[in-house]
Amino acid sequence: MRKIKRKDRDRRRTLSASSSSFVTNVSKNEESLPWGASSWPILRAYVPNPDVWQATGCATLGIVRRAPNGNCWSAYAPIQLSMGGIISVYGDEDKPEARIDDLHRSLGDMVPPSEVGSPDLAARIVWGAYAWSLSKGQAWPPLVTKRFLNLFPKLGGVSQWWLDQLIGGPDPLVPLALQEALQRIGVRDDLPEGKEIAMTTLMNFTLPDPAGARAALAGDAENFKIHQEEPGVTIFFRMKERRTEPGRKVPFGMVSLLADQLVAHGPTFSLAAELVALLHKRIPGLKLVRTQWLGPQHLPFAAPGLMLTGPTSD
């Protein structure tokens, strides 16, 4: 996911906790939601894709409500647990329903993938991620809760309770295996702008139709390129343009199609999240069955030199 930049008035209300200054065009008079906004009807909510979440801890949580005048307000919170929880917030206000998701759609892979789901789940994760961010030392201006998070359904209790339901108990919202991986890798607060810890996310999926999957990826020349093929196995690179070299595409992931399974490699959590979301769009019936989080030396291709060295242990 790339850093969000405000290019026009529609790409507004963008804040980043990793920055010492909070860039926004929200005036002091606009910092709070209108009276009663937290009880407006919810049109839809955005929650994690289950496989993306289980493998990477990346998601964009969102909520859209209808105001009494018929127009809509939205709030979105991209989160990446390996980067400290909530990584930015954005949204729009007082727009017709047909246009309220324009901003979210326009950001594409600049934010983690999401799908329409339960408002209750969106609220539990977003408030839990907010508590996670606070526990990692993130400092947010009051605008974050006043304007954005308060559009989500409220959770009772205090921030520690929100965190406990995210990562505690026998059935936490963040899978225990992912929590253990995040603990091994650690959260870095000294990463240069645009950098992310390098590591290998190795994911195994069921593959109901190998021939159909091969045809789907081979037919998507914009994103996939056959690297190697022999009887029983086809290996694709997930190709993507480098920001530092416009027009030049290089491997940012790898996918191996075997007789009964698909194996995918991602070099960072965010790139693995993009890859899983893209595979789900192209190949029906995929189901994640196993994830391993390994050191960068286990990556079977040369990743672009945009990332810091990550953990070296298995």
C-alpha atoms as a PDB file:
ATOM      1  CA  MET A   1       0.000   0.000   0.000  1.00  0.00           C
ATOM      2  CA  ARG A   2       1.299   3.428  -0.881  1.00  0.00           C
ATOM      3  CA  LYS A   3       1.141   6.531   1.263  1.00  0.00           C
ATOM      4  CA  ILE A   4      -2.094   8.388   0.599  1.00  0.00           C
ATOM      5  CA  LYS A   5      -1.638  11.848  -0.873  1.00  0.00           C
ATOM      6  CA  ARG A   6      -4.310  14.541  -1.186  1.00  0.00           C
ATOM      7  CA  LYS A   7      -4.381  15.433  -4.886  1.00  0.00           C
ATOM      8  CA  ASP A   8      -7.721  17.192  -4.988  1.00  0.00           C
ATOM      9  CA  ARG A   9     -10.604  18.241  -2.774  1.00  0.00           C
ATOM     10  CA  ASP A  10     -12.205  14.794  -2.882  1.00  0.00           C
ATOM     11  CA  ARG A  11      -9.065  13.198  -1.461  1.00  0.00           C
ATOM     12  CA  ARG A  12      -9.413  14.993   1.823  1.00  0.00           C
ATOM     13  CA  ARG A  13      -9.409  14.480   5.575  1.00  0.00           C
ATOM     14  CA  THR A  14      -6.322  12.285   5.435  1.00  0.00           C
ATOM     15  CA  LEU A  15      -4.329  11.885   8.628  1.00  0.00           C
ATOM     16  CA  SER A  16      -1.280   9.771   9.377  1.00  0.00           C
ATOM     17  CA  ALA A  17      -0.158   8.755  12.830  1.00  0.00           C
ATOM     18  CA  SER A  18       3.384   8.250  11.567  1.00  0.00           C
ATOM     19  CA  SER A  19       3.715  11.973  10.842  1.00  0.00           C
ATOM     20  CA  SER A  20       4.493  14.605  13.428  1.00  0.00           C
ATOM     21  CA  SER A  21       1.974  16.928  11.767  1.00  0.00           C
ATOM     22  CA  PHE A  22      -1.569  15.931  10.931  1.00  0.00           C
ATOM     23  CA  VAL A  23      -2.397  17.184   7.475  1.00  0.00           C
ATOM     24  CA  THR A  24      -6.088  17.831   7.007  1.00  0.00           C
ATOM     25  CA  ASN A  25      -8.343  20.484   5.539  1.00  0.00           C
ATOM     26  CA  VAL A  26     -10.942  19.973   8.275  1.00  0.00           C
ATOM     27  CA  SER A  27     -11.522  23.281  10.013  1.00  0.00           C
ATOM     28  CA  LYS A  28     -12.131  23.660  13.721  1.00  0.00           C
ATOM     29  CA  ASN A  29     -15.826  24.064  12.979  1.00  0.00           C
ATOM     30  CA  GLU A  30     -15.924  20.698  11.182  1.00  0.00           C
ATOM     31  CA  GLU A  31     -13.999  18.595  13.690  1.00  0.00           C
ATOM     32  CA  SER A  32     -17.063  16.996  15.253  1.00  0.00           C
ATOM     33  CA  LEU A  33     -19.839  15.039  13.614  1.00  0.00           C
ATOM     34  CA  PRO A  34     -23.291  16.628  13.413  1.00  0.00           C
ATOM     35  CA  TRP A  35     -25.540  16.016  16.391  1.00  0.00           C
ATOM     36  CA  GLY A  36     -27.078  12.541  16.271  1.00  0.00           C
ATOM     37  CA  ALA A  37     -24.750  11.222  13.532  1.00  0.00           C
ATOM     38  CA  SER A  38     -23.817   8.156  15.570  1.00  0.00           C
ATOM     39  CA  SER A  39     -27.436   6.993  15.386  1.00  0.00           C
ATOM     40  CA  TRP A  40     -28.042   7.626  11.687  1.00  0.00           C
ATOM     41  CA  PRO A  41     -28.968   4.471   9.729  1.00  0.00           C
ATOM     42  CA  ILE A  42     -25.984   2.402   8.604  1.00  0.00           C
ATOM     43  CA  LEU A  43     -26.027   1.683   4.863  1.00  0.00           C
ATOM     44  CA  ARG A  44     -23.006  -0.603   4.834  1.00  0.00           C
ATOM     45  CA  ALA A  45     -19.821  -1.455   6.649  1.00  0.00           C
ATOM     46  CA  TYR A  46     -16.429  -2.631   5.399  1.00  0.00           C
ATOM     47  CA  VAL A  47     -14.552  -5.432   7.138  1.00  0.00           C
ATOM     48  CA  PRO A  48     -11.419  -7.503   6.429  1.00  0.00           C
ATOM     49  CA  ASN A  49     -11.261 -10.198   3.824  1.00  0.00           C
ATOM     50  CA  PRO A  50     -10.874 -13.241   6.136  1.00  0.00           C
ATOM     51  CA  ASP A  51      -7.860 -14.731   4.332  1.00  0.00           C
ATOM     52  CA  VAL A  52      -6.096 -11.361   4.041  1.00  0.00           C
ATOM     53  CA  TRP A  53      -6.692 -10.663   7.731  1.00  0.00           C
ATOM     54  CA  GLN A  54      -5.560 -14.087   8.898  1.00  0.00           C
ATOM     55  CA  ALA A  55      -2.337 -13.918   6.897  1.00  0.00           C
ATOM     56  CA  THR A  56      -1.360 -10.265   7.265  1.00  0.00           C
ATOM     57  CA  GLY A  57      -3.361  -8.310   9.846  1.00  0.00           C
ATOM     58  CA  CYS A  58      -4.151  -5.735   7.146  1.00  0.00           C
ATOM     59  CA  ALA A  59      -7.615  -4.330   6.443  1.00  0.00           C
ATOM     60  CA  THR A  60      -9.585  -1.167   5.811  1.00  0.00           C
ATOM     61  CA  LEU A  61     -12.535  -0.760   8.145  1.00  0.00           C
ATOM     62  CA  GLY A  62     -15.319   1.473   6.937  1.00  0.00           C
ATOM     63  CA  ILE A  63     -18.797   2.717   7.752  1.00  0.00           C
ATOM     64  CA  VAL A  64     -21.353   4.603   5.671  1.00  0.00           C
ATOM     65  CA  ARG A  65     -24.370   6.298   7.283  1.00  0.00           C
ATOM     66  CA  ARG A  66     -27.320   8.181   5.808  1.00  0.00           C
ATOM     67  CA  ALA A  67     -28.041  11.649   7.184  1.00  0.00           C
ATOM     68  CA  PRO A  68     -31.596  12.996   7.615  1.00  0.00           C
ATOM     69  CA  ASN A  69     -31.254  15.008   4.375  1.00  0.00           C
ATOM     70  CA  GLY A  70     -30.755  11.756   2.411  1.00  0.00           C
ATOM     71  CA  ASN A  71     -27.062  12.235   1.724  1.00  0.00           C
ATOM     72  CA  CYS A  72     -24.345  10.087   3.249  1.00  0.00           C
ATOM     73  CA  TRP A  73     -21.267  10.380   5.444  1.00  0.00           C
ATOM     74  CA  SER A  74     -18.407   7.876   5.475  1.00  0.00           C
ATOM     75  CA  ALA A  75     -15.372   7.060   7.587  1.00  0.00           C
ATOM     76  CA  TYR A  76     -12.548   4.661   6.792  1.00  0.00           C
ATOM     77  CA  ALA A  77      -9.624   3.460   8.870  1.00  0.00           C
ATOM     78  CA  PRO A  78      -6.880   1.465   7.115  1.00  0.00           C
ATOM     79  CA  ILE A  79      -5.038  -0.674   9.641  1.00  0.00           C
ATOM     80  CA  GLN A  80      -1.851  -2.696   9.533  1.00  0.00           C
ATOM     81  CA  LEU A  81      -0.999  -4.376  12.808  1.00  0.00           C
ATOM     82  CA  SER A  82       2.686  -4.724  11.917  1.00  0.00           C
ATOM     83  CA  MET A  83       2.853  -0.923  11.555  1.00  0.00           C
ATOM     84  CA  GLY A  84       1.184  -0.193  14.888  1.00  0.00           C
ATOM     85  CA  GLY A  85      -2.548  -0.515  14.197  1.00  0.00           C
ATOM     86  CA  ILE A  86      -4.480   2.311  12.517  1.00  0.00           C
ATOM     87  CA  ILE A  87      -2.257   3.906   9.885  1.00  0.00           C
ATOM     88  CA  SER A  88      -4.566   6.672   8.623  1.00  0.00           C
ATOM     89  CA  VAL A  89      -8.178   7.819   8.495  1.00  0.00           C
ATOM     90  CA  TYR A  90     -10.221   9.371   5.727  1.00  0.00           C
ATOM     91  CA  GLY A  91     -13.785   9.810   4.652  1.00  0.00           C
ATOM     92  CA  ASP A  92     -16.297  12.110   3.054  1.00  0.00           C
ATOM     93  CA  GLU A  93     -19.514  13.817   3.985  1.00  0.00           C
ATOM     94  CA  ASP A  94     -22.883  14.976   2.748  1.00  0.00           C
ATOM     95  CA  LYS A  95     -22.732  13.226  -0.625  1.00  0.00           C
ATOM     96  CA  PRO A  96     -25.367  11.253  -2.541  1.00  0.00           C
ATOM     97  CA  GLU A  97     -25.147   7.504  -1.915  1.00  0.00           C
ATOM     98  CA  ALA A  98     -24.024   6.915  -5.507  1.00  0.00           C
ATOM     99  CA  ARG A  99     -20.920   9.048  -4.876  1.00  0.00           C
ATOM    100  CA  ILE A 100     -20.064   8.391  -1.251  1.00  0.00           C
ATOM    101  CA  ASP A 101     -17.704   5.495  -2.043  1.00  0.00           C
ATOM    102  CA  ASP A 102     -15.869   7.345  -4.833  1.00  0.00           C
ATOM    103  CA  LEU A 103     -12.945   8.271  -2.595  1.00  0.00           C
ATOM    104  CA  HIS A 104     -12.581   4.764  -1.175  1.00  0.00           C
ATOM    105  CA  ARG A 105     -12.686   3.194  -4.631  1.00  0.00           C
ATOM    106  CA  SER A 106     -10.221   5.714  -6.053  1.00  0.00           C
ATOM    107  CA  LEU A 107      -7.549   4.775  -3.517  1.00  0.00           C
ATOM    108  CA  GLY A 108      -7.317   1.235  -4.904  1.00  0.00           C
ATOM    109  CA  ASP A 109      -4.280  -0.602  -3.548  1.00  0.00           C
ATOM    110  CA  MET A 110      -3.082   2.486  -1.664  1.00  0.00           C
ATOM    111  CA  VAL A 111      -5.059   1.097   1.290  1.00  0.00           C
ATOM    112  CA  PRO A 112      -5.517  -2.499   2.499  1.00  0.00           C
ATOM    113  CA  PRO A 113      -8.334  -4.522   0.908  1.00  0.00           C
ATOM    114  CA  SER A 114     -11.773  -4.819   2.460  1.00  0.00           C
ATOM    115  CA  GLU A 115     -15.213  -6.209   1.731  1.00  0.00           C
ATOM    116  CA  VAL A 116     -18.774  -5.418   2.766  1.00  0.00           C
ATOM    117  CA  GLY A 117     -19.684  -7.052   6.063  1.00  0.00           C
ATOM    118  CA  SER A 118     -21.067  -6.692   9.577  1.00  0.00           C
ATOM    119  CA  PRO A 119     -21.117  -3.221  11.193  1.00  0.00           C
ATOM    120  CA  ASP A 120     -20.559  -4.903  14.556  1.00  0.00           C
ATOM    121  CA  LEU A 121     -17.388  -6.632  13.304  1.00  0.00           C
ATOM    122  CA  ALA A 122     -16.147  -3.390  11.739  1.00  0.00           C
ATOM    123  CA  ALA A 123     -16.641  -1.590  15.051  1.00  0.00           C
ATOM    124  CA  ARG A 124     -14.969  -4.284  17.144  1.00  0.00           C
ATOM    125  CA  ILE A 125     -11.894  -4.313  14.932  1.00  0.00           C
ATOM    126  CA  VAL A 126     -11.587  -0.562  14.410  1.00  0.00           C
ATOM    127  CA  TRP A 127     -11.884   0.289  18.117  1.00  0.00           C
ATOM    128  CA  GLY A 128      -9.583  -2.616  18.975  1.00  0.00           C
ATOM    129  CA  ALA A 129      -7.042  -1.376  16.416  1.00  0.00           C
ATOM    130  CA  TYR A 130      -7.343   2.132  17.867  1.00  0.00           C
ATOM    131  CA  ALA A 131      -6.513   0.725  21.301  1.00  0.00           C
ATOM    132  CA  TRP A 132      -3.653  -1.252  19.707  1.00  0.00           C
ATOM    133  CA  SER A 133      -2.308   1.993  18.200  1.00  0.00           C
ATOM    134  CA  LEU A 134      -2.476   3.735  21.561  1.00  0.00           C
ATOM    135  CA  SER A 135      -0.689   0.837  23.247  1.00  0.00           C
ATOM    136  CA  LYS A 136       2.124   1.150  20.691  1.00  0.00           C
ATOM    137  CA  GLY A 137       2.629   4.827  21.462  1.00  0.00           C
ATOM    138  CA  GLN A 138       0.729   6.367  18.556  1.00  0.00           C
ATOM    139  CA  ALA A 139      -0.620   9.851  19.205  1.00  0.00           C
ATOM    140  CA  TRP A 140      -3.769  10.910  17.395  1.00  0.00           C
ATOM    141  CA  PRO A 141      -5.454  14.336  17.431  1.00  0.00           C
ATOM    142  CA  PRO A 142      -9.009  14.466  18.854  1.00  0.00           C
ATOM    143  CA  LEU A 143     -10.314  14.829  15.293  1.00  0.00           C
ATOM    144  CA  VAL A 144      -9.684  11.124  14.707  1.00  0.00           C
ATOM    145  CA  THR A 145     -12.330  10.039  17.190  1.00  0.00           C
ATOM    146  CA  LYS A 146     -14.602  13.075  16.873  1.00  0.00           C
ATOM    147  CA  ARG A 147     -14.978  12.971  13.111  1.00  0.00           C
ATOM    148  CA  PHE A 148     -14.020   9.472  11.996  1.00  0.00           C
ATOM    149  CA  LEU A 149     -14.149   6.695  14.577  1.00  0.00           C
ATOM    150  CA  ASN A 150     -17.329   7.998  16.202  1.00  0.00           C
ATOM    151  CA  LEU A 151     -19.194   7.276  12.983  1.00  0.00           C
ATOM    152  CA  PHE A 152     -18.653   3.565  13.752  1.00  0.00           C
ATOM    153  CA  PRO A 153     -20.887   1.850  16.326  1.00  0.00           C
ATOM    154  CA  LYS A 154     -19.619   2.439  19.866  1.00  0.00           C
ATOM    155  CA  LEU A 155     -18.056  -0.205  22.079  1.00  0.00           C
ATOM    156  CA  GLY A 156     -18.643  -0.185  25.803  1.00  0.00           C
ATOM    157  CA  GLY A 157     -15.913  -0.031  28.393  1.00  0.00           C
ATOM    158  CA  VAL A 158     -12.427   1.440  28.180  1.00  0.00           C
ATOM    159  CA  SER A 159      -9.631   1.105  25.647  1.00  0.00           C
ATOM    160  CA  GLN A 160      -8.083  -1.861  27.452  1.00  0.00           C
ATOM    161  CA  TRP A 161     -11.343  -3.759  26.998  1.00  0.00           C
ATOM    162  CA  TRP A 162     -11.306  -2.917  23.270  1.00  0.00           C
ATOM    163  CA  LEU A 163      -7.770  -4.266  23.028  1.00  0.00           C
ATOM    164  CA  ASP A 164      -8.609  -7.398  25.012  1.00  0.00           C
ATOM    165  CA  GLN A 165     -11.385  -8.426  22.623  1.00  0.00           C
ATOM    166  CA  LEU A 166      -8.977  -7.891  19.703  1.00  0.00           C
ATOM    167  CA  ILE A 167      -6.054  -9.952  20.964  1.00  0.00           C
ATOM    168  CA  GLY A 168      -7.128 -11.633  24.225  1.00  0.00           C
ATOM    169  CA  GLY A 169      -9.262 -14.574  25.280  1.00  0.00           C
ATOM    170  CA  PRO A 170      -9.596 -18.011  23.680  1.00  0.00           C
ATOM    171  CA  ASP A 171     -11.011 -16.693  20.389  1.00  0.00           C
ATOM    172  CA  PRO A 172      -9.469 -13.264  19.661  1.00  0.00           C
ATOM    173  CA  LEU A 173     -10.187 -11.270  16.503  1.00  0.00           C
ATOM    174  CA  VAL A 174      -6.480 -11.428  15.645  1.00  0.00           C
ATOM    175  CA  PRO A 175      -5.514 -15.121  15.208  1.00  0.00           C
ATOM    176  CA  LEU A 176      -3.034 -16.335  17.823  1.00  0.00           C
ATOM    177  CA  ALA A 177      -0.572 -17.520  15.178  1.00  0.00           C
ATOM    178  CA  LEU A 178      -0.502 -14.052  13.624  1.00  0.00           C
ATOM    179  CA  GLN A 179      -0.076 -12.456  17.059  1.00  0.00           C
ATOM    180  CA  GLU A 180       2.943 -14.690  17.691  1.00  0.00           C
ATOM    181  CA  ALA A 181       4.414 -13.753  14.297  1.00  0.00           C
ATOM    182  CA  LEU A 182       3.928 -10.047  14.973  1.00  0.00           C
ATOM    183  CA  GLN A 183       5.614 -10.437  18.344  1.00  0.00           C
ATOM    184  CA  ARG A 184       8.630 -12.124  16.721  1.00  0.00           C
ATOM    185  CA  ILE A 185       8.894  -9.505  13.998  1.00  0.00           C
ATOM    186  CA  GLY A 186       8.249  -6.536  16.253  1.00  0.00           C
ATOM    187  CA  VAL A 187       6.780  -3.120  15.448  1.00  0.00           C
ATOM    188  CA  ARG A 188       9.301  -0.538  14.325  1.00  0.00           C
ATOM    189  CA  ASP A 189       8.610   3.163  14.856  1.00  0.00           C
ATOM    190  CA  ASP A 190      11.809   4.316  13.131  1.00  0.00           C
ATOM    191  CA  LEU A 191      11.048   3.176   9.597  1.00  0.00           C
ATOM    192  CA  PRO A 192      11.880   5.672   6.841  1.00  0.00           C
ATOM    193  CA  GLU A 193       8.972   7.061   4.836  1.00  0.00           C
ATOM    194  CA  GLY A 194       7.601   4.433   2.444  1.00  0.00           C
ATOM    195  CA  LYS A 195       9.541   1.552   4.012  1.00  0.00           C
ATOM    196  CA  GLU A 196       8.291  -1.620   5.625  1.00  0.00           C
ATOM    197  CA  ILE A 197       9.961  -4.519   7.396  1.00  0.00           C
ATOM    198  CA  ALA A 198      10.921  -7.232   4.918  1.00  0.00           C
ATOM    199  CA  MET A 199       9.853 -10.763   5.740  1.00  0.00           C
ATOM    200  CA  THR A 200       8.367 -13.741   3.923  1.00  0.00           C
ATOM    201  CA  THR A 201       4.652 -14.491   4.200  1.00  0.00           C
ATOM    202  CA  LEU A 202       4.243 -18.031   2.857  1.00  0.00           C
ATOM    203  CA  MET A 203       0.608 -18.967   2.235  1.00  0.00           C
ATOM    204  CA  ASN A 204      -0.948 -22.269   1.171  1.00  0.00           C
ATOM    205  CA  PHE A 205      -4.427 -22.306  -0.404  1.00  0.00           C
ATOM    206  CA  THR A 206      -6.727 -25.053  -1.578  1.00  0.00           C
ATOM    207  CA  LEU A 207      -7.027 -25.072  -5.374  1.00  0.00           C
ATOM    208  CA  PRO A 208     -10.328 -26.513  -6.661  1.00  0.00           C
ATOM    209  CA  ASP A 209      -9.545 -25.948 -10.371  1.00  0.00           C
ATOM    210  CA  PRO A 210      -5.809 -25.810 -11.246  1.00  0.00           C
ATOM    211  CA  ALA A 211      -6.426 -25.456 -14.987  1.00  0.00           C
ATOM    212  CA  GLY A 212      -8.897 -22.639 -14.464  1.00  0.00           C
ATOM    213  CA  ALA A 213      -6.519 -20.904 -12.061  1.00  0.00           C
ATOM    214  CA  ARG A 214      -3.672 -21.097 -14.579  1.00  0.00           C
ATOM    215  CA  ALA A 215      -5.866 -19.653 -17.309  1.00  0.00           C
ATOM    216  CA  ALA A 216      -7.054 -16.842 -15.029  1.00  0.00           C
ATOM    217  CA  LEU A 217      -3.546 -15.748 -14.021  1.00  0.00           C
ATOM    218  CA  ALA A 218      -2.078 -16.195 -17.502  1.00  0.00           C
ATOM    219  CA  GLY A 219      -4.900 -14.034 -18.842  1.00  0.00           C
ATOM    220  CA  ASP A 220      -4.069 -11.199 -16.443  1.00  0.00           C
ATOM    221  CA  ALA A 221      -0.903  -9.902 -18.093  1.00  0.00           C
ATOM    222  CA  GLU A 222      -1.166  -6.630 -16.206  1.00  0.00           C
ATOM    223  CA  ASN A 223      -0.522  -8.345 -12.876  1.00  0.00           C
ATOM    224  CA  PHE A 224       0.971 -11.780 -13.512  1.00  0.00           C
ATOM    225  CA  LYS A 225       3.808 -13.173 -15.627  1.00  0.00           C
ATOM    226  CA  ILE A 226       4.769 -16.828 -16.063  1.00  0.00           C
ATOM    227  CA  HIS A 227       8.225 -17.315 -14.597  1.00  0.00           C
ATOM    228  CA  GLN A 228       8.608 -21.082 -14.944  1.00  0.00           C
ATOM    229  CA  GLU A 229       6.481 -23.974 -16.137  1.00  0.00           C
ATOM    230  CA  GLU A 230       6.930 -27.714 -16.116  1.00  0.00           C
ATOM    231  CA  PRO A 231       4.589 -30.709 -15.759  1.00  0.00           C
ATOM    232  CA  GLY A 232       2.527 -30.325 -12.606  1.00  0.00           C
ATOM    233  CA  VAL A 233       3.656 -26.829 -11.660  1.00  0.00           C
ATOM    234  CA  THR A 234       3.359 -23.299 -13.022  1.00  0.00           C
ATOM    235  CA  ILE A 235       5.103 -20.406 -11.280  1.00  0.00           C
ATOM    236  CA  PHE A 236       3.933 -16.824 -11.765  1.00  0.00           C
ATOM    237  CA  PHE A 237       5.478 -13.577 -10.633  1.00  0.00           C
ATOM    238  CA  ARG A 238       3.072 -10.926  -9.394  1.00  0.00           C
ATOM    239  CA  MET A 239       4.295  -7.880 -11.350  1.00  0.00           C
ATOM    240  CA  LYS A 240       3.935  -4.309 -10.172  1.00  0.00           C
ATOM    241  CA  GLU A 241       5.367  -0.960 -11.151  1.00  0.00           C
ATOM    242  CA  ARG A 242       8.104   0.475  -8.970  1.00  0.00           C
ATOM    243  CA  ARG A 243       7.368   3.926  -7.665  1.00  0.00           C
ATOM    244  CA  THR A 244      10.999   4.930  -8.162  1.00  0.00           C
ATOM    245  CA  GLU A 245      10.985   3.745 -11.787  1.00  0.00           C
ATOM    246  CA  PRO A 246       7.672   4.620 -13.449  1.00  0.00           C
ATOM    247  CA  GLY A 247       6.832   2.240 -16.255  1.00  0.00           C
ATOM    248  CA  ARG A 248       9.098  -0.547 -15.036  1.00  0.00           C
ATOM    249  CA  LYS A 249       7.383  -3.565 -13.514  1.00  0.00           C
ATOM    250  CA  VAL A 250       9.243  -5.971 -11.248  1.00  0.00           C
ATOM    251  CA  PRO A 251       8.229  -8.988  -9.113  1.00  0.00           C
ATOM    252  CA  PHE A 252       6.440  -8.083  -5.879  1.00  0.00           C
ATOM    253  CA  GLY A 253       5.148 -11.593  -5.161  1.00  0.00           C
ATOM    254  CA  MET A 254       5.227 -15.168  -6.391  1.00  0.00           C
ATOM    255  CA  VAL A 255       2.482 -17.751  -6.961  1.00  0.00           C
ATOM    256  CA  SER A 256       3.045 -21.474  -7.553  1.00  0.00           C
ATOM    257  CA  LEU A 257       0.198 -23.565  -8.959  1.00  0.00           C
ATOM    258  CA  LEU A 258       0.521 -27.244  -8.056  1.00  0.00           C
ATOM    259  CA  ALA A 259      -1.763 -30.216  -8.666  1.00  0.00           C
ATOM    260  CA  ASP A 260      -3.953 -29.572  -5.631  1.00  0.00           C
ATOM    261  CA  GLN A 261      -2.806 -26.340  -4.031  1.00  0.00           C
ATOM    262  CA  LEU A 262      -1.665 -22.792  -4.616  1.00  0.00           C
ATOM    263  CA  VAL A 263       1.386 -21.484  -2.774  1.00  0.00           C
ATOM    264  CA  ALA A 264       1.956 -17.717  -2.577  1.00  0.00           C
ATOM    265  CA  HIS A 265       4.900 -15.692  -1.298  1.00  0.00           C
ATOM    266  CA  GLY A 266       4.744 -12.030  -0.265  1.00  0.00           C
ATOM    267  CA  PRO A 267       7.795  -9.963   0.783  1.00  0.00           C
ATOM    268  CA  THR A 268       5.929  -7.722   3.269  1.00  0.00           C
ATOM    269  CA  PHE A 269       2.590  -7.827   5.041  1.00  0.00           C
ATOM    270  CA  SER A 270       1.078  -5.121   2.829  1.00  0.00           C
ATOM    271  CA  LEU A 271       2.256  -6.734  -0.419  1.00  0.00           C
ATOM    272  CA  ALA A 272       1.032 -10.130   0.764  1.00  0.00           C
ATOM    273  CA  ALA A 273      -2.360  -8.543   1.507  1.00  0.00           C
ATOM    274  CA  GLU A 274      -2.527  -7.101  -2.022  1.00  0.00           C
ATOM    275  CA  LEU A 275      -1.569 -10.461  -3.493  1.00  0.00           C
ATOM    276  CA  VAL A 276      -4.207 -12.420  -1.578  1.00  0.00           C
ATOM    277  CA  ALA A 277      -6.935  -9.929  -2.507  1.00  0.00           C
ATOM    278  CA  LEU A 278      -5.915 -10.099  -6.155  1.00  0.00           C
ATOM    279  CA  LEU A 279      -5.885 -13.918  -6.151  1.00  0.00           C
ATOM    280  CA  HIS A 280      -9.381 -14.004  -4.667  1.00  0.00           C
ATOM    281  CA  LYS A 281     -10.609 -11.772  -7.485  1.00  0.00           C
ATOM    282  CA  ARG A 282      -9.082 -13.977 -10.169  1.00  0.00           C
ATOM    283  CA  ILE A 283      -9.569 -17.492  -8.777  1.00  0.00           C
ATOM    284  CA  PRO A 284     -12.939 -18.592  -7.317  1.00  0.00           C
ATOM    285  CA  GLY A 285     -12.940 -21.046  -4.440  1.00  0.00           C
ATOM    286  CA  LEU A 286      -9.526 -20.306  -2.948  1.00  0.00           C
ATOM    287  CA  LYS A 287      -9.263 -20.946   0.785  1.00  0.00           C
ATOM    288  CA  LEU A 288      -6.266 -20.221   2.958  1.00  0.00           C
ATOM    289  CA  VAL A 289      -5.249 -23.323   4.911  1.00  0.00           C
ATOM    290  CA  ARG A 290      -1.804 -22.433   6.273  1.00  0.00           C
ATOM    291  CA  THR A 291       0.412 -19.388   6.741  1.00  0.00           C
ATOM    292  CA  GLN A 292       4.048 -19.203   7.773  1.00  0.00           C
ATOM    293  CA  TRP A 293       5.952 -16.016   8.579  1.00  0.00           C
ATOM    294  CA  LEU A 294       9.640 -16.436   7.828  1.00  0.00           C
ATOM    295  CA  GLY A 295      12.760 -14.358   7.480  1.00  0.00           C
ATOM    296  CA  PRO A 296      13.467 -12.507   4.210  1.00  0.00           C
ATOM    297  CA  GLN A 297      16.111 -15.082   3.243  1.00  0.00           C
ATOM    298  CA  HIS A 298      13.241 -17.518   2.539  1.00  0.00           C
ATOM    299  CA  LEU A 299      11.829 -15.344  -0.237  1.00  0.00           C
ATOM    300  CA  PRO A 300      12.365 -17.321  -3.485  1.00  0.00           C
ATOM    301  CA  PHE A 301      12.774 -14.262  -5.712  1.00  0.00           C
ATOM    302  CA  ALA A 302      14.660 -10.970  -5.630  1.00  0.00           C
ATOM    303  CA  ALA A 303      12.320  -8.407  -4.121  1.00  0.00           C
ATOM    304  CA  PRO A 304      12.732  -4.713  -5.010  1.00  0.00           C
ATOM    305  CA  GLY A 305      15.159  -2.823  -2.823  1.00  0.00           C
ATOM    306  CA  LEU A 306      12.534  -0.685  -1.117  1.00  0.00           C
ATOM    307  CA  MET A 307      12.358  -2.562   2.170  1.00  0.00           C
ATOM    308  CA  LEU A 308      14.425  -2.813   5.299  1.00  0.00           C
ATOM    309  CA  THR A 309      15.938  -6.086   6.422  1.00  0.00           C
ATOM    310  CA  GLY A 310      13.484  -7.910   8.605  1.00  0.00           C
ATOM    311  CA  PRO A 311      13.736 -10.936  10.918  1.00  0.00           C
ATOM    312  CA  THR A 312      16.242 -13.613   9.929  1.00  0.00           C
ATOM    313  CA  SER A 313      14.999 -16.490  12.057  1.00  0.00           C
ATOM    314  CA  ASP A 314      12.469 -19.127  11.006  1.00  0.00           C
END
